[in-house]
Amino acid sequence: AAGRAYAAQPGREVWQGYGTDIFYDAGRWEALEGGAVTAPCSSWGGPRASNWVVLRERLSGKILVTGGTHLSYCAGGCDAVQQCELRSLYSHLEAMKNKYPGSAVVWMGDMNQPKTTPMLNGAMQGDLGGYQGFPLDDVVETNQNTYMSGGPAIDYIFAERGSFQVKSSGTTGQGVTGQTLAGADHFPVYSVLTFAA
């Protein structure tokens, strides 16, 4: 990204598990605080991290709470484990949202399942298995595969429902089904958003 200075989120100095590290345009955003913790769950395939950062837009002063995770992969399903991992992420996102009134939330990651599954569809309504979080909009809005072997999208960017307008979104067009992309087995997604009025 020509001429932009990107910075890594604060609080990610030590690896906490598979998660979603946040990098931001330091010319546009100021990092107020952030962190990464290991989700206290019986995760499959290694520990999972909850990452978060609070960013203030330098021009408008608006506050964005963002973060992400990488849910466990469970071929036969493990809703309780994945809901635990999401509750860990939400606990930090909601703590920051409460600390910064008027802020809006966007988070992202590898969900290891399509949004049509009962667990992820429930999470989009705020149902995290006995815990009620805020409902979500899918702001990538793609039906294309995001994993090299094909199938439905499993990588997402979610936003707090009604908090943003989507200007453009989808996959970047990079990646060929059946092949890795520069060593990665997932293909990139993006969303260009503006704060809702």
N, C-alpha and C. Protein backbone atom coordinates (compact mmCIF):
# COMPACT_ATOMS: atom_id res chain seq x y z
N ALA A 1 0.86 -1.17 0.00
CA ALA A 1 0.00 0.00 0.00
C ALA A 1 0.90 1.23 0.00
N ALA A 2 1.07 1.78 -1.15
CA ALA A 2 2.04 2.85 -1.38
C ALA A 2 1.85 4.03 -0.43
N GLY A 3 2.94 4.42 0.20
CA GLY A 3 2.95 5.61 1.03
C GLY A 3 2.31 5.48 2.39
N ARG A 4 1.81 4.33 2.74
CA ARG A 4 1.17 4.17 4.04
C ARG A 4 2.12 3.50 5.02
N ALA A 5 2.01 3.88 6.28
CA ALA A 5 2.83 3.28 7.33
C ALA A 5 1.92 2.40 8.19
N TYR A 6 2.11 1.10 8.10
CA TYR A 6 1.29 0.17 8.87
C TYR A 6 1.99 -0.20 10.16
N ALA A 7 1.20 -0.41 11.20
CA ALA A 7 1.71 -0.80 12.51
C ALA A 7 0.94 -2.01 13.01
N ALA A 8 1.59 -2.80 13.84
CA ALA A 8 0.94 -3.95 14.46
C ALA A 8 0.22 -3.50 15.71
N GLN A 9 -0.89 -4.16 15.99
CA GLN A 9 -1.66 -3.86 17.20
C GLN A 9 -0.79 -3.96 18.44
N PRO A 10 -1.06 -3.16 19.45
CA PRO A 10 -0.34 -3.32 20.72
C PRO A 10 -0.79 -4.59 21.43
N GLY A 11 0.07 -5.13 22.28
CA GLY A 11 -0.29 -6.27 23.12
C GLY A 11 -0.16 -7.61 22.47
N ARG A 12 0.54 -7.71 21.34
CA ARG A 12 0.69 -9.01 20.67
C ARG A 12 2.14 -9.47 20.65
N GLU A 13 2.92 -9.04 21.61
CA GLU A 13 4.35 -9.32 21.62
C GLU A 13 4.67 -10.80 21.80
N VAL A 14 3.81 -11.53 22.48
CA VAL A 14 4.02 -12.95 22.75
C VAL A 14 2.89 -13.74 22.07
N TRP A 15 3.26 -14.82 21.40
CA TRP A 15 2.26 -15.65 20.71
C TRP A 15 1.31 -16.27 21.73
N GLN A 16 0.02 -16.09 21.52
CA GLN A 16 -1.00 -16.60 22.44
C GLN A 16 -1.82 -17.73 21.84
N GLY A 17 -1.56 -18.07 20.59
CA GLY A 17 -2.33 -19.10 19.91
C GLY A 17 -2.70 -18.63 18.52
N TYR A 18 -3.41 -19.48 17.80
CA TYR A 18 -3.85 -19.13 16.46
C TYR A 18 -4.94 -18.07 16.56
N GLY A 19 -4.70 -16.94 15.96
CA GLY A 19 -5.65 -15.84 16.06
C GLY A 19 -5.63 -15.00 14.81
N THR A 20 -5.97 -13.75 14.95
CA THR A 20 -6.00 -12.82 13.83
C THR A 20 -5.30 -11.54 14.29
N ASP A 21 -4.04 -11.42 13.95
CA ASP A 21 -3.30 -10.21 14.30
C ASP A 21 -3.84 -9.04 13.49
N ILE A 22 -3.90 -7.88 14.10
CA ILE A 22 -4.44 -6.69 13.45
C ILE A 22 -3.29 -5.74 13.12
N PHE A 23 -3.25 -5.33 11.86
CA PHE A 23 -2.32 -4.31 11.38
C PHE A 23 -3.16 -3.15 10.89
N TYR A 24 -2.74 -1.93 11.18
CA TYR A 24 -3.57 -0.77 10.85
C TYR A 24 -2.72 0.33 10.23
N ASP A 25 -3.38 1.23 9.50
CA ASP A 25 -2.75 2.38 8.87
C ASP A 25 -2.51 3.42 9.95
N ALA A 26 -1.25 3.57 10.38
CA ALA A 26 -0.93 4.46 11.50
C ALA A 26 -1.08 5.93 11.13
N GLY A 27 -1.15 6.24 9.85
CA GLY A 27 -1.40 7.62 9.44
C GLY A 27 -2.85 8.01 9.60
N ARG A 28 -3.74 7.02 9.50
CA ARG A 28 -5.18 7.28 9.63
C ARG A 28 -5.71 7.01 11.03
N TRP A 29 -5.10 6.04 11.72
CA TRP A 29 -5.61 5.59 13.01
C TRP A 29 -4.55 5.73 14.09
N GLU A 30 -4.99 6.00 15.31
CA GLU A 30 -4.15 5.99 16.50
C GLU A 30 -4.59 4.83 17.37
N ALA A 31 -3.66 3.96 17.75
CA ALA A 31 -3.98 2.83 18.64
C ALA A 31 -4.05 3.33 20.08
N LEU A 32 -5.17 3.08 20.73
CA LEU A 32 -5.34 3.50 22.12
C LEU A 32 -4.94 2.39 23.10
N GLU A 33 -5.28 1.16 22.74
CA GLU A 33 -4.89 0.00 23.54
C GLU A 33 -5.24 -1.26 22.79
N GLY A 34 -4.70 -2.37 23.23
CA GLY A 34 -4.99 -3.65 22.58
C GLY A 34 -4.39 -4.79 23.35
N GLY A 35 -4.62 -5.98 22.87
CA GLY A 35 -4.07 -7.14 23.54
C GLY A 35 -4.35 -8.43 22.80
N ALA A 36 -3.82 -9.49 23.34
CA ALA A 36 -4.04 -10.84 22.82
C ALA A 36 -3.93 -11.79 24.00
N VAL A 37 -4.88 -12.70 24.11
CA VAL A 37 -4.86 -13.70 25.17
C VAL A 37 -5.22 -15.06 24.58
N THR A 38 -4.82 -16.10 25.26
CA THR A 38 -5.21 -17.45 24.87
C THR A 38 -6.63 -17.70 25.36
N ALA A 39 -7.49 -18.15 24.45
CA ALA A 39 -8.87 -18.45 24.83
C ALA A 39 -8.86 -19.62 25.82
N PRO A 40 -9.57 -19.50 26.95
CA PRO A 40 -9.56 -20.56 27.97
C PRO A 40 -10.52 -21.69 27.61
N CYS A 41 -10.24 -22.36 26.51
CA CYS A 41 -11.14 -23.38 25.96
C CYS A 41 -10.35 -24.65 25.66
N SER A 42 -11.06 -25.74 25.46
CA SER A 42 -10.44 -27.01 25.07
C SER A 42 -10.30 -27.04 23.56
N SER A 43 -9.55 -26.08 23.02
CA SER A 43 -9.43 -25.91 21.57
C SER A 43 -8.78 -27.12 20.91
N TRP A 44 -9.16 -27.35 19.66
CA TRP A 44 -8.61 -28.45 18.87
C TRP A 44 -7.49 -27.92 18.00
N GLY A 45 -6.41 -28.69 17.85
CA GLY A 45 -5.33 -28.33 16.94
C GLY A 45 -4.42 -27.24 17.46
N GLY A 46 -4.44 -26.98 18.74
CA GLY A 46 -3.59 -25.95 19.32
C GLY A 46 -4.39 -24.83 19.94
N PRO A 47 -3.74 -24.00 20.75
CA PRO A 47 -4.46 -22.91 21.42
C PRO A 47 -4.96 -21.87 20.42
N ARG A 48 -6.04 -21.19 20.80
CA ARG A 48 -6.64 -20.15 19.97
C ARG A 48 -6.51 -18.83 20.70
N ALA A 49 -6.22 -17.77 19.96
CA ALA A 49 -6.03 -16.45 20.55
C ALA A 49 -7.23 -15.56 20.27
N SER A 50 -7.50 -14.69 21.21
CA SER A 50 -8.44 -13.58 21.03
C SER A 50 -7.58 -12.32 20.93
N ASN A 51 -7.64 -11.64 19.80
CA ASN A 51 -6.88 -10.41 19.57
C ASN A 51 -7.84 -9.24 19.51
N TRP A 52 -7.42 -8.08 20.05
CA TRP A 52 -8.26 -6.89 19.95
C TRP A 52 -7.39 -5.64 19.99
N VAL A 53 -7.92 -4.57 19.43
CA VAL A 53 -7.27 -3.27 19.48
C VAL A 53 -8.34 -2.19 19.37
N VAL A 54 -8.12 -1.09 20.06
CA VAL A 54 -9.00 0.07 19.99
C VAL A 54 -8.28 1.14 19.19
N LEU A 55 -8.92 1.60 18.10
CA LEU A 55 -8.32 2.60 17.21
C LEU A 55 -9.18 3.85 17.17
N ARG A 56 -8.51 5.01 17.18
CA ARG A 56 -9.22 6.28 17.02
C ARG A 56 -8.84 6.84 15.65
N GLU A 57 -9.87 7.15 14.84
CA GLU A 57 -9.61 7.75 13.54
C GLU A 57 -9.10 9.17 13.77
N ARG A 58 -7.94 9.47 13.23
CA ARG A 58 -7.29 10.75 13.50
C ARG A 58 -8.12 11.94 13.00
N LEU A 59 -8.78 11.81 11.88
CA LEU A 59 -9.52 12.93 11.30
C LEU A 59 -10.84 13.19 12.02
N SER A 60 -11.62 12.13 12.24
CA SER A 60 -12.97 12.31 12.81
C SER A 60 -13.02 12.14 14.33
N GLY A 61 -12.04 11.44 14.89
CA GLY A 61 -12.08 11.12 16.32
C GLY A 61 -12.95 9.92 16.65
N LYS A 62 -13.56 9.28 15.63
CA LYS A 62 -14.41 8.11 15.88
C LYS A 62 -13.56 6.94 16.35
N ILE A 63 -14.19 6.10 17.19
CA ILE A 63 -13.50 4.97 17.80
C ILE A 63 -13.96 3.66 17.17
N LEU A 64 -12.98 2.85 16.76
CA LEU A 64 -13.22 1.52 16.21
C LEU A 64 -12.61 0.49 17.14
N VAL A 65 -13.42 -0.46 17.57
CA VAL A 65 -12.92 -1.61 18.32
C VAL A 65 -12.85 -2.75 17.32
N THR A 66 -11.68 -3.34 17.16
CA THR A 66 -11.54 -4.42 16.18
C THR A 66 -10.70 -5.54 16.77
N GLY A 67 -10.76 -6.68 16.12
CA GLY A 67 -10.01 -7.83 16.60
C GLY A 67 -10.33 -9.04 15.76
N GLY A 68 -10.00 -10.20 16.31
CA GLY A 68 -10.28 -11.42 15.57
C GLY A 68 -9.82 -12.65 16.28
N THR A 69 -10.14 -13.77 15.64
CA THR A 69 -9.75 -15.08 16.16
C THR A 69 -9.70 -16.07 15.01
N HIS A 70 -9.27 -17.27 15.31
CA HIS A 70 -9.22 -18.38 14.35
C HIS A 70 -9.81 -19.57 15.08
N LEU A 71 -11.06 -19.89 14.76
CA LEU A 71 -11.75 -20.97 15.48
C LEU A 71 -11.13 -22.33 15.19
N SER A 72 -11.28 -23.24 16.15
CA SER A 72 -10.82 -24.62 15.97
C SER A 72 -11.49 -25.26 14.76
N TYR A 73 -10.74 -26.13 14.10
CA TYR A 73 -11.31 -26.92 13.01
C TYR A 73 -11.72 -28.26 13.59
N CYS A 74 -12.99 -28.63 13.39
CA CYS A 74 -13.52 -29.89 13.90
C CYS A 74 -14.37 -30.50 12.79
N ALA A 75 -13.85 -31.53 12.13
CA ALA A 75 -14.55 -32.12 10.98
C ALA A 75 -15.96 -32.56 11.34
N GLY A 76 -16.15 -33.10 12.53
CA GLY A 76 -17.46 -33.59 12.93
C GLY A 76 -18.28 -32.56 13.70
N GLY A 77 -17.73 -31.36 13.86
CA GLY A 77 -18.43 -30.33 14.61
C GLY A 77 -18.01 -30.29 16.07
N CYS A 78 -17.87 -29.10 16.60
CA CYS A 78 -17.54 -28.92 18.02
C CYS A 78 -18.07 -27.55 18.44
N ASP A 79 -19.39 -27.39 18.34
CA ASP A 79 -20.01 -26.10 18.60
C ASP A 79 -19.63 -25.52 19.96
N ALA A 80 -19.62 -26.34 20.99
CA ALA A 80 -19.34 -25.83 22.34
C ALA A 80 -17.93 -25.24 22.41
N VAL A 81 -16.96 -25.88 21.77
CA VAL A 81 -15.58 -25.38 21.76
C VAL A 81 -15.52 -24.05 21.01
N GLN A 82 -16.13 -23.99 19.83
CA GLN A 82 -16.09 -22.77 19.03
C GLN A 82 -16.86 -21.64 19.70
N GLN A 83 -17.96 -21.93 20.35
CA GLN A 83 -18.69 -20.89 21.09
C GLN A 83 -17.85 -20.37 22.25
N CYS A 84 -17.10 -21.25 22.91
CA CYS A 84 -16.20 -20.83 23.98
C CYS A 84 -15.14 -19.88 23.42
N GLU A 85 -14.58 -20.21 22.26
CA GLU A 85 -13.56 -19.36 21.64
C GLU A 85 -14.14 -17.99 21.28
N LEU A 86 -15.38 -17.98 20.77
CA LEU A 86 -16.03 -16.71 20.44
C LEU A 86 -16.37 -15.91 21.70
N ARG A 87 -16.80 -16.58 22.77
CA ARG A 87 -17.07 -15.87 24.03
C ARG A 87 -15.81 -15.19 24.55
N SER A 88 -14.67 -15.84 24.40
CA SER A 88 -13.41 -15.23 24.82
C SER A 88 -13.16 -13.94 24.04
N LEU A 89 -13.32 -14.00 22.72
CA LEU A 89 -13.13 -12.80 21.90
C LEU A 89 -14.13 -11.72 22.30
N TYR A 90 -15.41 -12.09 22.41
CA TYR A 90 -16.46 -11.11 22.74
C TYR A 90 -16.21 -10.45 24.09
N SER A 91 -15.69 -11.20 25.06
CA SER A 91 -15.47 -10.61 26.38
C SER A 91 -14.55 -9.39 26.28
N HIS A 92 -13.56 -9.46 25.40
CA HIS A 92 -12.63 -8.34 25.23
C HIS A 92 -13.22 -7.25 24.35
N LEU A 93 -13.89 -7.63 23.27
CA LEU A 93 -14.50 -6.63 22.40
C LEU A 93 -15.56 -5.83 23.17
N GLU A 94 -16.38 -6.52 23.94
CA GLU A 94 -17.44 -5.83 24.68
C GLU A 94 -16.87 -4.98 25.81
N ALA A 95 -15.80 -5.44 26.45
CA ALA A 95 -15.15 -4.62 27.50
C ALA A 95 -14.65 -3.31 26.91
N MET A 96 -14.07 -3.37 25.72
CA MET A 96 -13.57 -2.16 25.07
C MET A 96 -14.72 -1.28 24.58
N LYS A 97 -15.78 -1.91 24.07
CA LYS A 97 -16.95 -1.15 23.63
C LYS A 97 -17.56 -0.39 24.80
N ASN A 98 -17.62 -1.02 25.96
CA ASN A 98 -18.16 -0.35 27.15
C ASN A 98 -17.23 0.74 27.66
N LYS A 99 -15.94 0.53 27.54
CA LYS A 99 -14.96 1.52 28.00
C LYS A 99 -14.95 2.76 27.11
N TYR A 100 -15.28 2.58 25.82
CA TYR A 100 -15.27 3.68 24.85
C TYR A 100 -16.67 3.87 24.29
N PRO A 101 -17.54 4.58 25.01
CA PRO A 101 -18.93 4.77 24.56
C PRO A 101 -18.97 5.40 23.16
N GLY A 102 -19.90 4.93 22.36
CA GLY A 102 -20.04 5.43 21.00
C GLY A 102 -19.16 4.71 19.99
N SER A 103 -18.33 3.78 20.46
CA SER A 103 -17.46 3.03 19.54
C SER A 103 -18.28 2.00 18.76
N ALA A 104 -17.72 1.55 17.66
CA ALA A 104 -18.34 0.51 16.84
C ALA A 104 -17.35 -0.63 16.67
N VAL A 105 -17.86 -1.85 16.46
CA VAL A 105 -17.02 -3.05 16.45
C VAL A 105 -17.02 -3.72 15.08
N VAL A 106 -15.82 -4.10 14.65
CA VAL A 106 -15.60 -4.96 13.49
C VAL A 106 -14.61 -6.03 13.92
N TRP A 107 -14.91 -7.29 13.60
CA TRP A 107 -13.93 -8.33 13.89
C TRP A 107 -13.88 -9.32 12.74
N MET A 108 -12.83 -10.14 12.71
CA MET A 108 -12.61 -11.00 11.55
C MET A 108 -11.88 -12.27 11.93
N GLY A 109 -11.85 -13.19 10.98
CA GLY A 109 -11.05 -14.39 11.19
C GLY A 109 -11.50 -15.58 10.37
N ASP A 110 -10.77 -16.66 10.58
CA ASP A 110 -11.06 -17.95 9.97
C ASP A 110 -12.04 -18.67 10.89
N MET A 111 -13.27 -18.82 10.42
CA MET A 111 -14.30 -19.46 11.24
C MET A 111 -14.33 -20.97 11.06
N ASN A 112 -13.62 -21.48 10.07
CA ASN A 112 -13.57 -22.91 9.79
C ASN A 112 -14.94 -23.52 9.53
N GLN A 113 -15.88 -22.69 9.10
CA GLN A 113 -17.21 -23.17 8.71
C GLN A 113 -17.95 -22.02 8.05
N PRO A 114 -18.92 -22.36 7.20
CA PRO A 114 -19.71 -21.29 6.55
C PRO A 114 -20.72 -20.69 7.51
N LYS A 115 -21.17 -19.49 7.19
CA LYS A 115 -22.12 -18.79 8.07
C LYS A 115 -23.49 -19.44 8.10
N THR A 116 -23.73 -20.42 7.23
CA THR A 116 -25.03 -21.10 7.21
C THR A 116 -25.13 -22.20 8.26
N THR A 117 -24.02 -22.55 8.93
CA THR A 117 -24.09 -23.58 9.96
C THR A 117 -24.86 -23.03 11.17
N PRO A 118 -25.53 -23.89 11.92
CA PRO A 118 -26.29 -23.40 13.07
C PRO A 118 -25.45 -22.61 14.06
N MET A 119 -24.21 -23.05 14.34
CA MET A 119 -23.38 -22.35 15.32
C MET A 119 -23.04 -20.94 14.85
N LEU A 120 -22.56 -20.80 13.62
CA LEU A 120 -22.15 -19.49 13.14
C LEU A 120 -23.35 -18.60 12.84
N ASN A 121 -24.43 -19.20 12.35
CA ASN A 121 -25.64 -18.41 12.14
C ASN A 121 -26.17 -17.89 13.47
N GLY A 122 -26.11 -18.72 14.50
CA GLY A 122 -26.52 -18.27 15.84
C GLY A 122 -25.63 -17.15 16.35
N ALA A 123 -24.31 -17.28 16.12
CA ALA A 123 -23.38 -16.23 16.55
C ALA A 123 -23.70 -14.91 15.86
N MET A 124 -24.13 -14.97 14.60
CA MET A 124 -24.48 -13.74 13.88
C MET A 124 -25.70 -13.07 14.50
N GLN A 125 -26.53 -13.84 15.22
CA GLN A 125 -27.68 -13.29 15.93
C GLN A 125 -27.31 -12.90 17.36
N GLY A 126 -26.04 -13.15 17.74
CA GLY A 126 -25.58 -12.81 19.08
C GLY A 126 -25.59 -13.98 20.04
N ASP A 127 -26.03 -15.16 19.59
CA ASP A 127 -26.12 -16.34 20.46
C ASP A 127 -24.79 -17.06 20.49
N LEU A 128 -24.12 -16.99 21.64
CA LEU A 128 -22.82 -17.63 21.79
C LEU A 128 -22.89 -18.77 22.79
N GLY A 129 -23.96 -19.54 22.74
CA GLY A 129 -24.09 -20.70 23.61
C GLY A 129 -24.27 -20.34 25.06
N GLY A 130 -25.41 -19.75 25.39
CA GLY A 130 -25.69 -19.34 26.76
C GLY A 130 -25.23 -17.94 27.10
N TYR A 131 -24.61 -17.27 26.15
CA TYR A 131 -24.16 -15.90 26.34
C TYR A 131 -24.70 -15.08 25.19
N GLN A 132 -25.33 -13.96 25.49
CA GLN A 132 -25.90 -13.11 24.44
C GLN A 132 -24.96 -11.96 24.14
N GLY A 133 -24.39 -11.97 22.96
CA GLY A 133 -23.52 -10.89 22.50
C GLY A 133 -24.29 -10.00 21.54
N PHE A 134 -23.59 -9.08 20.89
CA PHE A 134 -24.24 -8.20 19.92
C PHE A 134 -24.38 -8.93 18.58
N PRO A 135 -25.48 -8.69 17.87
CA PRO A 135 -25.66 -9.32 16.55
C PRO A 135 -24.72 -8.71 15.51
N LEU A 136 -24.52 -9.46 14.42
CA LEU A 136 -23.50 -9.12 13.43
C LEU A 136 -24.06 -9.01 12.02
N ASP A 137 -23.39 -8.21 11.21
CA ASP A 137 -23.57 -8.19 9.75
C ASP A 137 -22.33 -8.81 9.14
N ASP A 138 -22.52 -9.63 8.11
CA ASP A 138 -21.40 -10.13 7.30
C ASP A 138 -21.08 -9.02 6.31
N VAL A 139 -19.92 -8.39 6.45
CA VAL A 139 -19.59 -7.26 5.60
C VAL A 139 -18.63 -7.63 4.46
N VAL A 140 -18.38 -8.93 4.28
CA VAL A 140 -17.64 -9.39 3.10
C VAL A 140 -18.63 -9.75 2.00
N GLU A 141 -19.72 -10.42 2.39
CA GLU A 141 -20.82 -10.72 1.47
C GLU A 141 -20.36 -11.46 0.22
N THR A 142 -19.62 -12.56 0.41
CA THR A 142 -19.19 -13.34 -0.76
C THR A 142 -19.72 -14.75 -0.69
N ASN A 143 -19.96 -15.33 -1.84
CA ASN A 143 -20.32 -16.74 -1.96
C ASN A 143 -19.15 -17.54 -2.54
N GLN A 144 -18.02 -16.88 -2.78
CA GLN A 144 -16.85 -17.55 -3.35
C GLN A 144 -16.08 -18.26 -2.25
N ASN A 145 -15.36 -19.30 -2.65
CA ASN A 145 -14.55 -20.02 -1.67
C ASN A 145 -13.40 -19.15 -1.20
N THR A 146 -13.06 -19.31 0.08
CA THR A 146 -11.90 -18.62 0.65
C THR A 146 -10.85 -19.63 1.10
N TYR A 147 -11.12 -20.91 0.89
CA TYR A 147 -10.17 -21.97 1.22
C TYR A 147 -9.74 -22.64 -0.07
N MET A 148 -8.48 -23.02 -0.16
CA MET A 148 -7.92 -23.50 -1.41
C MET A 148 -8.62 -24.72 -2.00
N SER A 149 -9.24 -25.55 -1.17
CA SER A 149 -9.88 -26.76 -1.71
C SER A 149 -11.28 -26.50 -2.24
N GLY A 150 -11.77 -25.26 -2.12
CA GLY A 150 -13.10 -24.92 -2.63
C GLY A 150 -14.14 -24.91 -1.52
N GLY A 151 -15.40 -24.96 -1.92
CA GLY A 151 -16.49 -24.93 -0.96
C GLY A 151 -16.91 -23.51 -0.65
N PRO A 152 -17.79 -23.35 0.33
CA PRO A 152 -18.26 -22.00 0.69
C PRO A 152 -17.19 -21.21 1.44
N ALA A 153 -17.41 -19.93 1.55
CA ALA A 153 -16.50 -19.06 2.30
C ALA A 153 -16.46 -19.49 3.77
N ILE A 154 -15.26 -19.45 4.36
CA ILE A 154 -15.10 -19.73 5.79
C ILE A 154 -14.32 -18.63 6.49
N ASP A 155 -13.89 -17.63 5.73
CA ASP A 155 -13.16 -16.47 6.28
C ASP A 155 -14.08 -15.26 6.18
N TYR A 156 -14.19 -14.53 7.28
CA TYR A 156 -15.20 -13.47 7.34
C TYR A 156 -14.67 -12.21 8.00
N ILE A 157 -15.35 -11.12 7.69
CA ILE A 157 -15.26 -9.88 8.44
C ILE A 157 -16.68 -9.59 8.90
N PHE A 158 -16.86 -9.46 10.20
CA PHE A 158 -18.17 -9.20 10.77
C PHE A 158 -18.17 -7.82 11.42
N ALA A 159 -19.31 -7.15 11.36
CA ALA A 159 -19.45 -5.84 11.99
C ALA A 159 -20.68 -5.85 12.88
N GLU A 160 -20.59 -5.08 13.93
CA GLU A 160 -21.74 -4.89 14.81
C GLU A 160 -22.91 -4.42 13.96
N ARG A 161 -24.02 -5.10 14.08
CA ARG A 161 -25.17 -4.86 13.20
C ARG A 161 -25.56 -3.38 13.15
N GLY A 162 -25.66 -2.87 11.91
CA GLY A 162 -26.14 -1.51 11.67
C GLY A 162 -25.12 -0.41 11.92
N SER A 163 -23.87 -0.76 12.25
CA SER A 163 -22.88 0.26 12.60
C SER A 163 -22.06 0.78 11.42
N PHE A 164 -22.13 0.08 10.28
CA PHE A 164 -21.31 0.46 9.13
C PHE A 164 -22.10 0.34 7.84
N GLN A 165 -21.65 1.07 6.85
CA GLN A 165 -22.15 0.92 5.48
C GLN A 165 -21.04 0.28 4.67
N VAL A 166 -21.39 -0.71 3.86
CA VAL A 166 -20.42 -1.40 3.02
C VAL A 166 -20.32 -0.66 1.69
N LYS A 167 -19.12 -0.19 1.36
CA LYS A 167 -18.88 0.48 0.08
C LYS A 167 -18.49 -0.52 -1.00
N SER A 168 -17.64 -1.47 -0.65
CA SER A 168 -17.29 -2.58 -1.54
C SER A 168 -16.75 -3.71 -0.68
N SER A 169 -16.82 -4.92 -1.21
CA SER A 169 -16.40 -6.07 -0.41
C SER A 169 -16.31 -7.30 -1.30
N GLY A 170 -15.77 -8.36 -0.74
CA GLY A 170 -15.69 -9.64 -1.44
C GLY A 170 -14.33 -10.28 -1.27
N THR A 171 -13.97 -11.09 -2.26
CA THR A 171 -12.63 -11.66 -2.31
C THR A 171 -11.79 -10.75 -3.19
N THR A 172 -10.49 -10.86 -3.06
CA THR A 172 -9.61 -9.99 -3.85
C THR A 172 -9.36 -10.51 -5.26
N GLY A 173 -9.84 -11.72 -5.54
CA GLY A 173 -9.59 -12.32 -6.85
C GLY A 173 -8.26 -13.07 -6.90
N GLN A 174 -7.53 -13.03 -5.82
CA GLN A 174 -6.28 -13.77 -5.76
C GLN A 174 -6.57 -15.20 -5.34
N GLY A 175 -5.81 -16.13 -5.86
CA GLY A 175 -5.96 -17.52 -5.46
C GLY A 175 -6.65 -18.35 -6.52
N VAL A 176 -6.15 -19.57 -6.66
CA VAL A 176 -6.70 -20.54 -7.60
C VAL A 176 -7.09 -21.78 -6.81
N THR A 177 -8.32 -22.21 -6.95
CA THR A 177 -8.78 -23.40 -6.23
C THR A 177 -7.85 -24.56 -6.53
N GLY A 178 -7.44 -25.25 -5.47
CA GLY A 178 -6.53 -26.38 -5.59
C GLY A 178 -5.07 -26.02 -5.45
N GLN A 179 -4.76 -24.72 -5.31
CA GLN A 179 -3.37 -24.28 -5.17
C GLN A 179 -3.26 -23.32 -3.99
N THR A 180 -2.10 -23.36 -3.33
CA THR A 180 -1.86 -22.38 -2.28
C THR A 180 -1.55 -21.02 -2.92
N LEU A 181 -1.75 -19.97 -2.16
CA LEU A 181 -1.46 -18.61 -2.61
C LEU A 181 -0.29 -18.09 -1.80
N ALA A 182 0.89 -18.04 -2.43
CA ALA A 182 2.10 -17.60 -1.74
C ALA A 182 2.30 -18.37 -0.43
N GLY A 183 1.99 -19.66 -0.45
CA GLY A 183 2.16 -20.51 0.71
C GLY A 183 0.95 -20.60 1.62
N ALA A 184 -0.05 -19.77 1.40
CA ALA A 184 -1.25 -19.76 2.26
C ALA A 184 -2.33 -20.67 1.68
N ASP A 185 -3.08 -21.33 2.55
CA ASP A 185 -4.16 -22.18 2.07
C ASP A 185 -5.52 -21.47 2.09
N HIS A 186 -5.53 -20.18 2.46
CA HIS A 186 -6.74 -19.37 2.43
C HIS A 186 -6.53 -18.21 1.48
N PHE A 187 -7.64 -17.70 0.93
CA PHE A 187 -7.58 -16.58 0.01
C PHE A 187 -8.12 -15.33 0.70
N PRO A 188 -7.60 -14.16 0.36
CA PRO A 188 -7.98 -12.93 1.07
C PRO A 188 -9.40 -12.46 0.79
N VAL A 189 -9.98 -11.86 1.82
CA VAL A 189 -11.27 -11.17 1.70
C VAL A 189 -11.06 -9.72 2.14
N TYR A 190 -11.97 -8.86 1.77
CA TYR A 190 -11.85 -7.44 2.15
C TYR A 190 -13.23 -6.82 2.28
N SER A 191 -13.26 -5.69 2.94
CA SER A 191 -14.47 -4.89 3.03
C SER A 191 -14.06 -3.44 3.23
N VAL A 192 -14.59 -2.56 2.41
CA VAL A 192 -14.39 -1.12 2.56
C VAL A 192 -15.65 -0.58 3.24
N LEU A 193 -15.49 -0.02 4.43
CA LEU A 193 -16.62 0.39 5.25
C LEU A 193 -16.56 1.86 5.59
N THR A 194 -17.72 2.43 5.83
CA THR A 194 -17.79 3.75 6.44
C THR A 194 -18.68 3.63 7.66
N PHE A 195 -18.40 4.46 8.65
CA PHE A 195 -19.26 4.47 9.84
C PHE A 195 -20.67 4.87 9.44
N ALA A 196 -21.66 4.20 10.00
CA ALA A 196 -23.05 4.60 9.74
C ALA A 196 -23.27 5.98 10.34
N ALA A 197 -24.15 6.72 9.72
CA ALA A 197 -24.41 8.10 10.18
C ALA A 197 -25.01 8.12 11.57
